PDB file of N, CA and C in Angstrom:
ATOM      1  N   MET A   1     -63.279  50.013  29.740  1.00  0.00           N
ATOM      2  CA  MET A   1     -62.829  49.213  29.331  1.00  0.00           C
ATOM      3  C   MET A   1     -61.406  49.436  29.253  1.00  0.00           C
ATOM      4  N   SER A   2     -60.688  48.237  29.687  1.00  0.00           N
ATOM      5  CA  SER A   2     -59.184  48.357  29.831  1.00  0.00           C
ATOM      6  C   SER A   2     -58.640  47.911  28.364  1.00  0.00           C
ATOM      7  N   THR A   3     -57.558  48.471  28.304  1.00  0.00           N
ATOM      8  CA  THR A   3     -56.870  48.459  26.930  1.00  0.00           C
ATOM      9  C   THR A   3     -55.443  47.351  26.819  1.00  0.00           C
ATOM     10  N   LYS A   4     -54.937  46.733  25.776  1.00  0.00           N
ATOM     11  CA  LYS A   4     -53.491  46.311  26.137  1.00  0.00           C
ATOM     12  C   LYS A   4     -53.002  46.435  24.824  1.00  0.00           C
ATOM     13  N   ARG A   5     -51.613  46.639  24.984  1.00  0.00           N
ATOM     14  CA  ARG A   5     -50.668  47.140  23.973  1.00  0.00           C
ATOM     15  C   ARG A   5     -50.134  45.533  23.060  1.00  0.00           C
ATOM     16  N   VAL A   6     -50.483  45.656  21.802  1.00  0.00           N
ATOM     17  CA  VAL A   6     -50.451  44.665  21.032  1.00  0.00           C
ATOM     18  C   VAL A   6     -49.418  45.052  19.745  1.00  0.00           C
ATOM     19  N   ASN A   7     -48.676  44.378  19.466  1.00  0.00           N
ATOM     20  CA  ASN A   7     -47.428  44.654  18.651  1.00  0.00           C
ATOM     21  C   ASN A   7     -48.245  43.799  17.480  1.00  0.00           C
ATOM     22  N   PHE A   8     -48.244  43.714  15.804  1.00  0.00           N
ATOM     23  CA  PHE A   8     -48.089  43.060  15.035  1.00  0.00           C
ATOM     24  C   PHE A   8     -47.611  43.375  13.668  1.00  0.00           C
ATOM     25  N   ARG A   9     -47.823  42.606  12.693  1.00  0.00           N
ATOM     26  CA  ARG A   9     -47.117  43.308  11.642  1.00  0.00           C
ATOM     27  C   ARG A   9     -48.249  43.342  10.478  1.00  0.00           C
ATOM     28  N   ILE A  10     -48.492  44.492   9.950  1.00  0.00           N
ATOM     29  CA  ILE A  10     -49.301  44.970   8.580  1.00  0.00           C
ATOM     30  C   ILE A  10     -48.729  45.291   7.539  1.00  0.00           C
ATOM     31  N   PRO A  11     -49.031  44.949   6.349  1.00  0.00           N
ATOM     32  CA  PRO A  11     -48.814  45.298   5.022  1.00  0.00           C
ATOM     33  C   PRO A  11     -48.868  47.008   4.884  1.00  0.00           C
ATOM     34  N   GLU A  12     -47.618  47.303   4.400  1.00  0.00           N
ATOM     35  CA  GLU A  12     -47.369  48.889   4.517  1.00  0.00           C
ATOM     36  C   GLU A  12     -48.636  49.375   3.846  1.00  0.00           C
ATOM     37  N   GLU A  13     -48.928  48.858   2.861  1.00  0.00           N
ATOM     38  CA  GLU A  13     -50.379  49.757   2.167  1.00  0.00           C
ATOM     39  C   GLU A  13     -51.393  50.021   2.923  1.00  0.00           C
ATOM     40  N   LEU A  14     -51.517  48.788   3.694  1.00  0.00           N
ATOM     41  CA  LEU A  14     -52.457  49.248   4.607  1.00  0.00           C
ATOM     42  C   LEU A  14     -52.273  50.249   5.862  1.00  0.00           C
ATOM     43  N   LEU A  15     -50.999  50.098   6.208  1.00  0.00           N
ATOM     44  CA  LEU A  15     -50.910  51.292   7.256  1.00  0.00           C
ATOM     45  C   LEU A  15     -50.789  52.948   6.663  1.00  0.00           C
ATOM     46  N   THR A  16     -50.511  52.616   5.254  1.00  0.00           N
ATOM     47  CA  THR A  16     -50.630  53.989   4.451  1.00  0.00           C
ATOM     48  C   THR A  16     -52.202  54.521   4.439  1.00  0.00           C
ATOM     49  N   GLN A  17     -53.255  53.471   3.898  1.00  0.00           N
ATOM     50  CA  GLN A  17     -54.274  53.914   4.123  1.00  0.00           C
ATOM     51  C   GLN A  17     -54.965  54.275   5.746  1.00  0.00           C
ATOM     52  N   ALA A  18     -54.695  53.530   6.389  1.00  0.00           N
ATOM     53  CA  ALA A  18     -55.018  53.758   7.924  1.00  0.00           C
ATOM     54  C   ALA A  18     -54.300  55.029   8.094  1.00  0.00           C
ATOM     55  N   ASP A  19     -53.299  55.531   7.843  1.00  0.00           N
ATOM     56  CA  ASP A  19     -52.864  56.672   8.232  1.00  0.00           C
ATOM     57  C   ASP A  19     -53.379  58.097   7.219  1.00  0.00           C
ATOM     58  N   VAL A  20     -53.913  57.774   6.038  1.00  0.00           N
ATOM     59  CA  VAL A  20     -54.680  58.599   5.328  1.00  0.00           C
ATOM     60  C   VAL A  20     -55.905  58.515   6.008  1.00  0.00           C
ATOM     61  N   ALA A  21     -56.811  57.515   6.425  1.00  0.00           N
ATOM     62  CA  ALA A  21     -58.204  57.476   7.251  1.00  0.00           C
ATOM     63  C   ALA A  21     -57.986  58.541   8.251  1.00  0.00           C
ATOM     64  N   ALA A  22     -57.069  58.135   9.236  1.00  0.00           N
ATOM     65  CA  ALA A  22     -56.845  58.985  10.487  1.00  0.00           C
ATOM     66  C   ALA A  22     -56.588  60.686  10.359  1.00  0.00           C
ATOM     67  N   GLU A  23     -55.756  60.605   8.987  1.00  0.00           N
ATOM     68  CA  GLU A  23     -55.567  62.314   8.961  1.00  0.00           C
ATOM     69  C   GLU A  23     -57.160  63.113   8.302  1.00  0.00           C
ATOM     70  N   VAL A  24     -57.868  62.031   7.358  1.00  0.00           N
ATOM     71  CA  VAL A  24     -59.126  62.971   7.206  1.00  0.00           C
ATOM     72  C   VAL A  24     -60.016  62.779   7.970  1.00  0.00           C
ATOM     73  N   THR A  25     -60.123  61.961   8.923  1.00  0.00           N
ATOM     74  CA  THR A  25     -61.035  61.808  10.300  1.00  0.00           C
ATOM     75  C   THR A  25     -60.841  62.371  11.113  1.00  0.00           C
ATOM     76  N   GLN A  26     -59.496  63.068  11.418  1.00  0.00           N
ATOM     77  CA  GLN A  26     -59.055  63.495  12.524  1.00  0.00           C
ATOM     78  C   GLN A  26     -59.097  62.758  13.679  1.00  0.00           C
ATOM     79  N   LYS A  27     -58.697  61.268  13.537  1.00  0.00           N
ATOM     80  CA  LYS A  27     -58.574  60.514  14.607  1.00  0.00           C
ATOM     81  C   LYS A  27     -56.798  60.001  14.364  1.00  0.00           C
ATOM     82  N   ASN A  28     -56.534  59.321  15.225  1.00  0.00           N
ATOM     83  CA  ASN A  28     -55.213  58.740  15.033  1.00  0.00           C
ATOM     84  C   ASN A  28     -55.031  57.535  14.694  1.00  0.00           C
ATOM     85  N   ARG A  29     -54.141  56.555  14.115  1.00  0.00           N
ATOM     86  CA  ARG A  29     -54.086  55.352  13.656  1.00  0.00           C
ATOM     87  C   ARG A  29     -54.454  54.184  14.467  1.00  0.00           C
ATOM     88  N   THR A  30     -54.728  54.153  16.166  1.00  0.00           N
ATOM     89  CA  THR A  30     -55.025  53.322  17.049  1.00  0.00           C
ATOM     90  C   THR A  30     -56.671  53.288  16.428  1.00  0.00           C
ATOM     91  N   ASP A  31     -57.014  54.373  16.758  1.00  0.00           N
ATOM     92  CA  ASP A  31     -58.620  54.574  16.315  1.00  0.00           C
ATOM     93  C   ASP A  31     -59.134  53.999  15.460  1.00  0.00           C
ATOM     94  N   VAL A  32     -58.511  54.169  14.280  1.00  0.00           N
ATOM     95  CA  VAL A  32     -58.759  53.628  12.932  1.00  0.00           C
ATOM     96  C   VAL A  32     -58.829  52.226  12.943  1.00  0.00           C
ATOM     97  N   LEU A  33     -57.811  51.953  13.286  1.00  0.00           N
ATOM     98  CA  LEU A  33     -57.685  50.175  13.085  1.00  0.00           C
ATOM     99  C   LEU A  33     -58.515  49.397  14.082  1.00  0.00           C
ATOM    100  N   ILE A  34     -58.886  50.036  15.341  1.00  0.00           N
ATOM    101  CA  ILE A  34     -59.992  49.596  16.327  1.00  0.00           C
ATOM    102  C   ILE A  34     -61.282  49.439  15.399  1.00  0.00           C
ATOM    103  N   GLU A  35     -61.758  50.751  15.217  1.00  0.00           N
ATOM    104  CA  GLU A  35     -62.898  50.812  14.539  1.00  0.00           C
ATOM    105  C   GLU A  35     -62.926  50.055  12.924  1.00  0.00           C
ATOM    106  N   ALA A  36     -61.891  49.638  12.363  1.00  0.00           N
ATOM    107  CA  ALA A  36     -61.954  48.500  10.987  1.00  0.00           C
ATOM    108  C   ALA A  36     -62.311  47.145  12.025  1.00  0.00           C
ATOM    109  N   LEU A  37     -61.353  46.789  13.008  1.00  0.00           N
ATOM    110  CA  LEU A  37     -61.583  45.776  13.597  1.00  0.00           C
ATOM    111  C   LEU A  37     -62.826  45.450  14.227  1.00  0.00           C
ATOM    112  N   ARG A  38     -63.276  46.602  14.807  1.00  0.00           N
ATOM    113  CA  ARG A  38     -64.987  46.207  15.462  1.00  0.00           C
ATOM    114  C   ARG A  38     -65.989  46.090  14.202  1.00  0.00           C
ATOM    115  N   GLU A  39     -65.480  46.717  13.105  1.00  0.00           N
ATOM    116  CA  GLU A  39     -66.679  46.553  11.972  1.00  0.00           C
ATOM    117  C   GLU A  39     -66.448  44.920  11.605  1.00  0.00           C
ATOM    118  N   TYR A  40     -65.522  44.716  11.578  1.00  0.00           N
ATOM    119  CA  TYR A  40     -65.066  43.431  10.750  1.00  0.00           C
ATOM    120  C   TYR A  40     -65.622  42.111  11.670  1.00  0.00           C
ATOM    121  N   LEU A  41     -65.228  42.244  13.048  1.00  0.00           N
ATOM    122  CA  LEU A  41     -65.501  41.140  13.859  1.00  0.00           C
ATOM    123  C   LEU A  41     -67.432  41.102  13.865  1.00  0.00           C
ATOM    124  N   ALA A  42     -67.808  42.327  13.890  1.00  0.00           N
ATOM    125  CA  ALA A  42     -69.279  42.607  13.894  1.00  0.00           C
ATOM    126  C   ALA A  42     -70.022  41.815  12.994  1.00  0.00           C
ATOM    127  N   GLU A  43     -69.359  42.034  11.794  1.00  0.00           N
ATOM    128  CA  GLU A  43     -69.613  41.255  10.506  1.00  0.00           C
ATOM    129  C   GLU A  43     -69.475  40.098  10.818  1.00  0.00           C
ATOM    130  N   LYS A  44     -68.445  39.368  11.109  1.00  0.00           N
ATOM    131  CA  LYS A  44     -68.603  37.781  11.349  1.00  0.00           C
ATOM    132  C   LYS A  44     -69.302  37.485  12.484  1.00  0.00           C
ATOM    133  N   GLU A  45     -69.618  38.036  13.790  1.00  0.00           N
ATOM    134  CA  GLU A  45     -70.140  37.709  14.617  1.00  0.00           C
ATOM    135  C   GLU A  45     -72.071  37.386  14.269  1.00  0.00           C
ATOM    136  N   SER A  46     -71.918  38.417  13.040  1.00  0.00           N
ATOM    137  CA  SER A  46     -73.754  37.885  12.287  1.00  0.00           C
ATOM    138  C   SER A  46     -73.740  36.770  11.830  1.00  0.00           C
ATOM    139  N   ASP A  47     -72.716  36.210  10.980  1.00  0.00           N
ATOM    140  CA  ASP A  47     -72.562  34.657  10.492  1.00  0.00           C
ATOM    141  C   ASP A  47     -72.600  34.128  10.972  1.00  0.00           C
ATOM    142  N   ASP A  48     -74.100  33.050  10.833  1.00  0.00           N
ATOM    143  CA  ASP A  48     -74.314  31.892  11.732  1.00  0.00           C
ATOM    144  C   ASP A  48     -73.211  30.817  11.655  1.00  0.00           C
ATOM    145  N   ARG A  49     -72.345  30.366  10.624  1.00  0.00           N
ATOM    146  CA  ARG A  49     -71.250  29.729  10.406  1.00  0.00           C
ATOM    147  C   ARG A  49     -70.284  29.858  11.617  1.00  0.00           C
ATOM    148  N   PHE A  50     -69.985  31.178  11.622  1.00  0.00           N
ATOM    149  CA  PHE A  50     -68.954  31.647  12.195  1.00  0.00           C
ATOM    150  C   PHE A  50     -69.141  31.256  13.737  1.00  0.00           C
ATOM    151  N   ARG A  51     -70.507  31.733  14.502  1.00  0.00           N
ATOM    152  CA  ARG A  51     -71.379  31.507  15.217  1.00  0.00           C
ATOM    153  C   ARG A  51     -71.305  29.906  15.769  1.00  0.00           C
ATOM    154  N   GLU A  52     -71.646  29.161  15.236  1.00  0.00           N
ATOM    155  CA  GLU A  52     -71.489  27.830  15.173  1.00  0.00           C
ATOM    156  C   GLU A  52     -70.020  27.196  15.436  1.00  0.00           C
ATOM    157  N   ALA A  53     -68.863  28.171  14.619  1.00  0.00           N
ATOM    158  CA  ALA A  53     -67.389  27.462  14.948  1.00  0.00           C
ATOM    159  C   ALA A  53     -67.195  28.120  16.119  1.00  0.00           C
ATOM    160  N   VAL A  54     -67.348  28.915  16.542  1.00  0.00           N
ATOM    161  CA  VAL A  54     -67.174  29.310  17.707  1.00  0.00           C
ATOM    162  C   VAL A  54     -67.753  28.575  18.933  1.00  0.00           C
ATOM    163  N   VAL A  55     -69.019  27.935  18.751  1.00  0.00           N
ATOM    164  CA  VAL A  55     -69.729  27.463  20.033  1.00  0.00           C
ATOM    165  C   VAL A  55     -69.073  26.018  20.031  1.00  0.00           C
ATOM    166  N   GLU A  56     -68.231  25.404  18.707  1.00  0.00           N
ATOM    167  CA  GLU A  56     -67.437  24.282  18.776  1.00  0.00           C
ATOM    168  C   GLU A  56     -66.437  24.265  19.494  1.00  0.00           C
ATOM    169  N   LEU A  57     -65.586  25.632  19.356  1.00  0.00           N
ATOM    170  CA  LEU A  57     -64.818  25.598  20.200  1.00  0.00           C
ATOM    171  C   LEU A  57     -64.657  25.708  21.463  1.00  0.00           C
ATOM    172  N   TYR A  58     -65.850  26.178  21.955  1.00  0.00           N
ATOM    173  CA  TYR A  58     -66.029  26.291  23.565  1.00  0.00           C
ATOM    174  C   TYR A  58     -66.357  24.509  23.650  1.00  0.00           C
ATOM    175  N   LEU A  59     -67.259  23.933  22.788  1.00  0.00           N
ATOM    176  CA  LEU A  59     -67.575  22.609  23.420  1.00  0.00           C
ATOM    177  C   LEU A  59     -66.081  21.847  23.467  1.00  0.00           C
ATOM    178  N   ASP A  60     -65.188  22.134  22.678  1.00  0.00           N
ATOM    179  CA  ASP A  60     -64.110  21.135  22.668  1.00  0.00           C
ATOM    180  C   ASP A  60     -63.073  21.549  23.442  1.00  0.00           C
ATOM    181  N   ASP A  61     -63.760  23.081  24.466  1.00  0.00           N
ATOM    182  CA  ASP A  61     -62.857  23.240  25.314  1.00  0.00           C
ATOM    183  C   ASP A  61     -61.605  24.033  24.703  1.00  0.00           C
ATOM    184  N   GLU A  62     -61.886  24.668  23.959  1.00  0.00           N
ATOM    185  CA  GLU A  62     -60.492  25.200  23.253  1.00  0.00           C
ATOM    186  C   GLU A  62     -60.645  27.070  23.568  1.00  0.00           C
ATOM    187  N   ILE A  63     -61.740  27.309  23.979  1.00  0.00           N
ATOM    188  CA  ILE A  63     -62.150  28.850  24.193  1.00  0.00           C
ATOM    189  C   ILE A  63     -62.838  28.795  25.879  1.00  0.00           C
ATOM    190  N   SER A  64     -62.611  29.738  26.569  1.00  0.00           N
ATOM    191  CA  SER A  64     -63.397  29.828  27.554  1.00  0.00           C
ATOM    192  C   SER A  64     -65.084  30.525  27.600  1.00  0.00           C
ATOM    193  N   PHE A  65     -65.948  30.068  28.481  1.00  0.00           N
ATOM    194  CA  PHE A  65     -66.865  30.595  28.407  1.00  0.00           C
ATOM    195  C   PHE A  65     -67.116  32.470  28.205  1.00  0.00           C
ATOM    196  N   ASP A  66     -66.298  32.761  29.055  1.00  0.00           N
ATOM    197  CA  ASP A  66     -65.984  34.556  28.709  1.00  0.00           C
ATOM    198  C   ASP A  66     -65.773  34.766  27.055  1.00  0.00           C
ATOM    199  N   ALA A  67     -65.047  34.196  26.654  1.00  0.00           N
ATOM    200  CA  ALA A  67     -64.937  34.517  25.132  1.00  0.00           C
ATOM    201  C   ALA A  67     -66.029  34.020  24.023  1.00  0.00           C
ATOM    202  N   LEU A  68     -66.756  33.032  24.811  1.00  0.00           N
ATOM    203  CA  LEU A  68     -67.881  32.347  24.118  1.00  0.00           C
ATOM    204  C   LEU A  68     -68.849  33.449  24.268  1.00  0.00           C
ATOM    205  N   ALA A  69     -69.241  34.267  25.356  1.00  0.00           N
ATOM    206  CA  ALA A  69     -70.331  35.225  25.718  1.00  0.00           C
ATOM    207  C   ALA A  69     -69.419  36.583  24.887  1.00  0.00           C
ATOM    208  N   ASP A  70     -68.622  36.729  25.183  1.00  0.00           N
ATOM    209  CA  ASP A  70     -67.984  37.874  24.222  1.00  0.00           C
ATOM    210  C   ASP A  70     -68.500  37.832  22.814  1.00  0.00           C
ATOM    211  N   VAL A  71     -68.625  36.529  21.894  1.00  0.00           N
ATOM    212  CA  VAL A  71     -68.571  36.491  20.428  1.00  0.00           C
ATOM    213  C   VAL A  71     -70.168  36.607  20.580  1.00  0.00           C
ATOM    214  N   VAL A  72     -71.003  35.401  21.470  1.00  0.00           N
ATOM    215  CA  VAL A  72     -72.200  35.227  20.797  1.00  0.00           C
ATOM    216  C   VAL A  72     -73.365  36.076  21.861  1.00  0.00           C
ATOM    217  N   GLY A  73     -72.622  36.771  22.538  1.00  0.00           N
ATOM    218  CA  GLY A  73     -73.830  37.504  23.785  1.00  0.00           C
ATOM    219  C   GLY A  73     -73.754  36.456  24.938  1.00  0.00           C
ATOM    220  N   ARG A  74     -74.007  36.975  25.983  1.00  0.00           N
ATOM    221  CA  ARG A  74     -74.295  36.549  27.511  1.00  0.00           C
ATOM    222  C   ARG A  74     -75.548  35.526  27.678  1.00  0.00           C
ATOM    223  N   GLN A  75     -76.521  35.762  26.947  1.00  0.00           N
ATOM    224  CA  GLN A  75     -77.693  34.785  27.091  1.00  0.00           C
ATOM    225  C   GLN A  75     -77.276  33.659  26.144  1.00  0.00           C
ATOM    226  N   ASP A  76     -76.799  33.816  25.051  1.00  0.00           N
ATOM    227  CA  ASP A  76     -76.456  32.802  23.905  1.00  0.00           C
ATOM    228  C   ASP A  76     -75.771  31.732  24.766  1.00  0.00           C
ATOM    229  N   ALA A  77     -74.467  32.470  25.148  1.00  0.00           N
ATOM    230  CA  ALA A  77     -73.592  31.688  25.921  1.00  0.00           C
ATOM    231  C   ALA A  77     -74.203  30.830  26.881  1.00  0.00           C
ATOM    232  N   GLU A  78     -75.157  31.199  27.710  1.00  0.00           N
ATOM    233  CA  GLU A  78     -75.597  30.607  29.028  1.00  0.00           C
ATOM    234  C   GLU A  78     -76.413  29.403  28.279  1.00  0.00           C
ATOM    235  N   ALA A  79     -77.080  29.494  27.573  1.00  0.00           N
ATOM    236  CA  ALA A  79     -77.951  28.563  26.890  1.00  0.00           C
ATOM    237  C   ALA A  79     -77.233  27.301  26.291  1.00  0.00           C
ATOM    238  N   VAL A  80     -75.900  27.731  25.661  1.00  0.00           N
ATOM    239  CA  VAL A  80     -74.554  26.995  25.177  1.00  0.00           C
ATOM    240  C   VAL A  80     -73.957  25.970  26.317  1.00  0.00           C
ATOM    241  N   ARG A  81     -73.812  26.633  27.571  1.00  0.00           N
ATOM    242  CA  ARG A  81     -73.402  26.441  28.898  1.00  0.00           C
ATOM    243  C   ARG A  81     -74.659  25.214  29.305  1.00  0.00           C
ATOM    244  N   ALA A  82     -75.437  25.611  29.249  1.00  0.00           N
ATOM    245  CA  ALA A  82     -76.671  24.746  29.767  1.00  0.00           C
ATOM    246  C   ALA A  82     -76.728  23.519  29.360  1.00  0.00           C
ATOM    247  N   SER A  83     -76.793  23.748  27.978  1.00  0.00           N
ATOM    248  CA  SER A  83     -76.950  22.459  26.935  1.00  0.00           C
ATOM    249  C   SER A  83     -75.756  21.661  27.313  1.00  0.00           C
ATOM    250  N   ARG A  84     -74.628  22.030  27.056  1.00  0.00           N
ATOM    251  CA  ARG A  84     -73.175  21.212  27.424  1.00  0.00           C
ATOM    252  C   ARG A  84     -73.138  20.797  28.855  1.00  0.00           C
ATOM    253  N   ASP A  85     -73.984  21.111  29.781  1.00  0.00           N
ATOM    254  CA  ASP A  85     -74.419  20.416  31.204  1.00  0.00           C
ATOM    255  C   ASP A  85     -74.957  19.662  30.782  1.00  0.00           C
ATOM    256  N   VAL A  86     -76.251  19.427  30.329  1.00  0.00           N
ATOM    257  CA  VAL A  86     -77.245  18.586  30.171  1.00  0.00           C
ATOM    258  C   VAL A  86     -76.530  17.161  29.512  1.00  0.00           C
ATOM    259  N   LEU A  87     -75.549  17.519  28.094  1.00  0.00           N
ATOM    260  CA  LEU A  87     -75.022  16.646  27.590  1.00  0.00           C
ATOM    261  C   LEU A  87     -73.803  15.981  28.507  1.00  0.00           C
ATOM    262  N   ASP A  88     -73.274  16.611  29.257  1.00  0.00           N
ATOM    263  CA  ASP A  88     -72.388  15.838  29.852  1.00  0.00           C
ATOM    264  C   ASP A  88     -72.928  15.062  30.807  1.00  0.00           C
ATOM    265  N   ARG A  89     -73.914  15.620  31.427  1.00  0.00           N
ATOM    266  CA  ARG A  89     -74.737  14.453  32.463  1.00  0.00           C
ATOM    267  C   ARG A  89     -74.922  13.381  31.876  1.00  0.00           C
ATOM    268  N   GLY A  90     -75.808  13.571  30.532  1.00  0.00           N
ATOM    269  CA  GLY A  90     -76.249  12.301  30.055  1.00  0.00           C
ATOM    270  C   GLY A  90     -75.264  11.297  29.568  1.00  0.00           C
ATOM    271  N   ASP A  91     -73.948  11.774  29.373  1.00  0.00           N
ATOM    272  CA  ASP A  91     -73.056  10.977  28.802  1.00  0.00           C
ATOM    273  C   ASP A  91     -72.548  10.235  30.784  1.00  0.00           C
ATOM    274  N   GLU A  92     -72.006  11.012  31.507  1.00  0.00           N
ATOM    275  CA  GLU A  92     -71.785  10.411  33.104  1.00  0.00           C
ATOM    276  C   GLU A  92     -73.230   9.748  33.071  1.00  0.00           C
ATOM    277  N   LEU A  93     -74.092   9.626  33.199  1.00  0.00           N
ATOM    278  CA  LEU A  93     -75.445   8.529  33.281  1.00  0.00           C
ATOM    279  C   LEU A  93     -74.850   7.317  32.582  1.00  0.00           C
ATOM    280  N   ALA A  94     -74.914   7.429  31.297  1.00  0.00           N
ATOM    281  CA  ALA A  94     -74.609   6.455  30.211  1.00  0.00           C
ATOM    282  C   ALA A  94     -73.866   5.600  30.733  1.00  0.00           C
ATOM    283  N   SER A  95     -72.302   6.196  31.228  1.00  0.00           N
ATOM    284  CA  SER A  95     -71.244   5.511  31.580  1.00  0.00           C
ATOM    285  C   SER A  95     -71.528   4.972  32.769  1.00  0.00           C
ATOM    286  N   LYS A  96     -72.482   5.330  33.462  1.00  0.00           N
ATOM    287  CA  LYS A  96     -72.531   4.524  35.165  1.00  0.00           C
ATOM    288  C   LYS A  96     -73.661   3.387  34.286  1.00  0.00           C
ATOM    289  N   LEU A  97     -74.625   3.711  33.779  1.00  0.00           N
ATOM    290  CA  LEU A  97     -75.154   2.738  33.281  1.00  0.00           C
ATOM    291  C   LEU A  97     -74.495   1.497  32.699  1.00  0.00           C
ATOM    292  N   ALA A  98     -73.495   1.751  31.744  1.00  0.00           N
ATOM    293  CA  ALA A  98     -72.957   0.598  31.476  1.00  0.00           C
ATOM    294  C   ALA A  98     -72.131   0.132  31.798  1.00  0.00           C
ATOM    295  N   ALA A  99     -71.433   0.518  33.118  1.00  0.00           N
ATOM    296  CA  ALA A  99     -70.443  -0.015  34.054  1.00  0.00           C
ATOM    297  C   ALA A  99     -71.340  -0.814  34.830  1.00  0.00           C
ATOM    298  N   ASP A 100     -72.498  -0.533  35.343  1.00  0.00           N
ATOM    299  CA  ASP A 100     -73.636  -1.343  35.911  1.00  0.00           C
ATOM    300  C   ASP A 100     -73.765  -3.044  35.193  1.00  0.00           C
ATOM    301  N   GLU A 101     -73.687  -2.745  33.751  1.00  0.00           N
ATOM    302  CA  GLU A 101     -74.629  -4.204  33.419  1.00  0.00           C
ATOM    303  C   GLU A 101     -73.371  -5.337  33.479  1.00  0.00           C
TER     304      GLU A 101
END
């Protein structure tokens, strides 16, 4: 798994809590924050409304297929992509039929 350096601001009290958790668990601060973020995202990804919103972002071309797959899983992402392709072909056919009239 590749990693990327990220800089962000965090409330001081959260940083203190992360440092205490790191000390207690004998992990470094980064590992504690990564674990917390993973747990948060896992909780979100199990929420149907969140997953629907992510699918909408994909359908609106606001996120890539790979980003969709990272959130909803490859199999579900493939199903969404296939549905999108069918809908796109239907729209193209409807436009062609309307132009022929």
